[in-house]
Amino acid sequence: MTFTNAKGCAVQSGLWLDPYTGNFYALASDLDVDHIVPLSWAHEHGGASWTVELKRQFAEDPENLWLVDDGRNQSKGDKGPDEWMPPYEPV
């Protein structure tokens, strides 16, 4: 991986596999961090009653965060798993 600064807190390039498309990406700028279950969807489906701490834990849960193609992520928007599933199906 290469970083944008000496502190190593922002990634510029590396190699990532997008689980939504099956494509590999080398530039971090081509990717978004996606909440598999979007925050707004969770809020509308019971998350509104969660404590602030539980909301934070959900928002930062690495099991719910994937690096994906930025265009695919933007087309998904805040649709939940009941409305949107990735097109890629490994063989």
C-alpha atoms as a PDB file:
ATOM      1  CA  MET A   1       0.000   0.000   0.000  1.00  0.00           C
ATOM      2  CA  THR A   2       1.052   3.572  -0.542  1.00  0.00           C
ATOM      3  CA  PHE A   3      -0.125   6.433   1.605  1.00  0.00           C
ATOM      4  CA  THR A   4      -0.845  10.086   0.871  1.00  0.00           C
ATOM      5  CA  ASN A   5       1.248  11.297   3.822  1.00  0.00           C
ATOM      6  CA  ALA A   6       4.072  10.228   6.127  1.00  0.00           C
ATOM      7  CA  LYS A   7       1.685   9.489   9.030  1.00  0.00           C
ATOM      8  CA  GLY A   8       0.106   6.678   7.011  1.00  0.00           C
ATOM      9  CA  CYS A   9      -3.434   7.717   7.836  1.00  0.00           C
ATOM     10  CA  ALA A  10      -4.771   8.038   4.276  1.00  0.00           C
ATOM     11  CA  VAL A  11      -4.298   5.293   1.683  1.00  0.00           C
ATOM     12  CA  GLN A  12      -3.588   6.219  -1.928  1.00  0.00           C
ATOM     13  CA  SER A  13      -3.132   2.838  -3.577  1.00  0.00           C
ATOM     14  CA  GLY A  14      -3.052  -0.888  -2.886  1.00  0.00           C
ATOM     15  CA  LEU A  15      -4.971  -3.885  -4.169  1.00  0.00           C
ATOM     16  CA  TRP A  16      -8.571  -4.561  -3.176  1.00  0.00           C
ATOM     17  CA  LEU A  17     -11.240  -6.995  -4.326  1.00  0.00           C
ATOM     18  CA  ASP A  18     -14.745  -5.536  -4.565  1.00  0.00           C
ATOM     19  CA  PRO A  19     -17.134  -8.221  -3.291  1.00  0.00           C
ATOM     20  CA  TYR A  20     -20.038  -6.579  -5.173  1.00  0.00           C
ATOM     21  CA  THR A  21     -18.487  -6.790  -8.649  1.00  0.00           C
ATOM     22  CA  GLY A  22     -15.615  -9.275  -8.363  1.00  0.00           C
ATOM     23  CA  ASN A  23     -13.259  -6.626  -9.788  1.00  0.00           C
ATOM     24  CA  PHE A  24      -9.862  -5.667  -8.380  1.00  0.00           C
ATOM     25  CA  TYR A  25      -8.975  -2.028  -7.727  1.00  0.00           C
ATOM     26  CA  ALA A  26      -5.589  -0.394  -7.223  1.00  0.00           C
ATOM     27  CA  LEU A  27      -6.634   3.204  -6.442  1.00  0.00           C
ATOM     28  CA  ALA A  28      -8.339   4.017  -3.174  1.00  0.00           C
ATOM     29  CA  SER A  29     -10.157   6.866  -4.936  1.00  0.00           C
ATOM     30  CA  ASP A  30     -12.127   4.276  -6.958  1.00  0.00           C
ATOM     31  CA  LEU A  31     -13.650   2.812  -3.797  1.00  0.00           C
ATOM     32  CA  ASP A  32     -16.204   3.745  -1.157  1.00  0.00           C
ATOM     33  CA  VAL A  33     -16.652   2.290   2.290  1.00  0.00           C
ATOM     34  CA  ASP A  34     -20.147   0.816   2.189  1.00  0.00           C
ATOM     35  CA  HIS A  35     -22.389  -0.027   5.099  1.00  0.00           C
ATOM     36  CA  ILE A  36     -23.829  -3.358   3.953  1.00  0.00           C
ATOM     37  CA  VAL A  37     -26.900  -2.521   6.016  1.00  0.00           C
ATOM     38  CA  PRO A  38     -27.212   1.271   5.532  1.00  0.00           C
ATOM     39  CA  LEU A  39     -27.457   3.452   8.618  1.00  0.00           C
ATOM     40  CA  SER A  40     -30.703   5.102   7.487  1.00  0.00           C
ATOM     41  CA  TRP A  41     -32.251   1.690   6.727  1.00  0.00           C
ATOM     42  CA  ALA A  42     -31.308   0.431  10.192  1.00  0.00           C
ATOM     43  CA  HIS A  43     -32.719   3.623  11.734  1.00  0.00           C
ATOM     44  CA  GLU A  44     -36.055   3.105   9.946  1.00  0.00           C
ATOM     45  CA  HIS A  45     -36.176  -0.570  10.960  1.00  0.00           C
ATOM     46  CA  GLY A  46     -35.746  -0.227  14.722  1.00  0.00           C
ATOM     47  CA  GLY A  47     -32.403   1.527  15.085  1.00  0.00           C
ATOM     48  CA  ALA A  48     -34.092   4.828  15.961  1.00  0.00           C
ATOM     49  CA  SER A  49     -34.651   3.487  19.467  1.00  0.00           C
ATOM     50  CA  TRP A  50     -31.028   2.418  19.962  1.00  0.00           C
ATOM     51  CA  THR A  51     -28.771   4.221  22.416  1.00  0.00           C
ATOM     52  CA  VAL A  52     -26.160   6.597  21.043  1.00  0.00           C
ATOM     53  CA  GLU A  53     -23.469   4.056  21.933  1.00  0.00           C
ATOM     54  CA  LEU A  54     -25.234   1.223  20.108  1.00  0.00           C
ATOM     55  CA  LYS A  55     -25.690   3.454  17.030  1.00  0.00           C
ATOM     56  CA  ARG A  56     -21.958   4.244  17.095  1.00  0.00           C
ATOM     57  CA  GLN A  57     -21.048   0.570  17.417  1.00  0.00           C
ATOM     58  CA  PHE A  58     -23.290  -0.315  14.478  1.00  0.00           C
ATOM     59  CA  ALA A  59     -21.888   2.510  12.318  1.00  0.00           C
ATOM     60  CA  GLU A  60     -18.301   1.379  12.997  1.00  0.00           C
ATOM     61  CA  ASP A  61     -18.844  -2.391  12.923  1.00  0.00           C
ATOM     62  CA  PRO A  62     -16.217  -3.879  10.562  1.00  0.00           C
ATOM     63  CA  GLU A  63     -18.584  -6.781   9.801  1.00  0.00           C
ATOM     64  CA  ASN A  64     -20.942  -4.225   8.213  1.00  0.00           C
ATOM     65  CA  LEU A  65     -18.283  -2.238   6.300  1.00  0.00           C
ATOM     66  CA  TRP A  66     -16.916  -3.236   2.893  1.00  0.00           C
ATOM     67  CA  LEU A  67     -14.698  -1.491   0.355  1.00  0.00           C
ATOM     68  CA  VAL A  68     -16.663  -1.449  -2.887  1.00  0.00           C
ATOM     69  CA  ASP A  69     -16.729   0.223  -6.300  1.00  0.00           C
ATOM     70  CA  ASP A  70     -17.797   3.818  -5.695  1.00  0.00           C
ATOM     71  CA  GLY A  71     -20.274   3.876  -8.592  1.00  0.00           C
ATOM     72  CA  ARG A  72     -21.943   0.640  -7.488  1.00  0.00           C
ATOM     73  CA  ASN A  73     -22.192   1.955  -3.931  1.00  0.00           C
ATOM     74  CA  GLN A  74     -23.746   5.211  -5.103  1.00  0.00           C
ATOM     75  CA  SER A  75     -26.321   3.319  -7.187  1.00  0.00           C
ATOM     76  CA  LYS A  76     -27.223   1.283  -4.096  1.00  0.00           C
ATOM     77  CA  GLY A  77     -27.865   4.419  -2.058  1.00  0.00           C
ATOM     78  CA  ASP A  78     -29.582   3.680   1.235  1.00  0.00           C
ATOM     79  CA  LYS A  79     -31.439   0.610   0.032  1.00  0.00           C
ATOM     80  CA  GLY A  80     -31.378  -2.239   2.505  1.00  0.00           C
ATOM     81  CA  PRO A  81     -30.840  -5.932   1.822  1.00  0.00           C
ATOM     82  CA  ASP A  82     -34.578  -6.335   1.169  1.00  0.00           C
ATOM     83  CA  GLU A  83     -34.315  -3.960  -1.840  1.00  0.00           C
ATOM     84  CA  TRP A  84     -30.787  -4.363  -3.221  1.00  0.00           C
ATOM     85  CA  MET A  85     -28.346  -7.223  -3.601  1.00  0.00           C
ATOM     86  CA  PRO A  86     -24.964  -7.131  -5.362  1.00  0.00           C
ATOM     87  CA  PRO A  87     -24.902  -8.377  -8.942  1.00  0.00           C
ATOM     88  CA  TYR A  88     -21.733 -10.452  -8.563  1.00  0.00           C
ATOM     89  CA  GLU A  89     -22.152 -14.168  -7.922  1.00  0.00           C
ATOM     90  CA  PRO A  90     -18.890 -16.101  -7.616  1.00  0.00           C
ATOM     91  CA  VAL A  91     -18.744 -19.443  -9.384  1.00  0.00           C
END
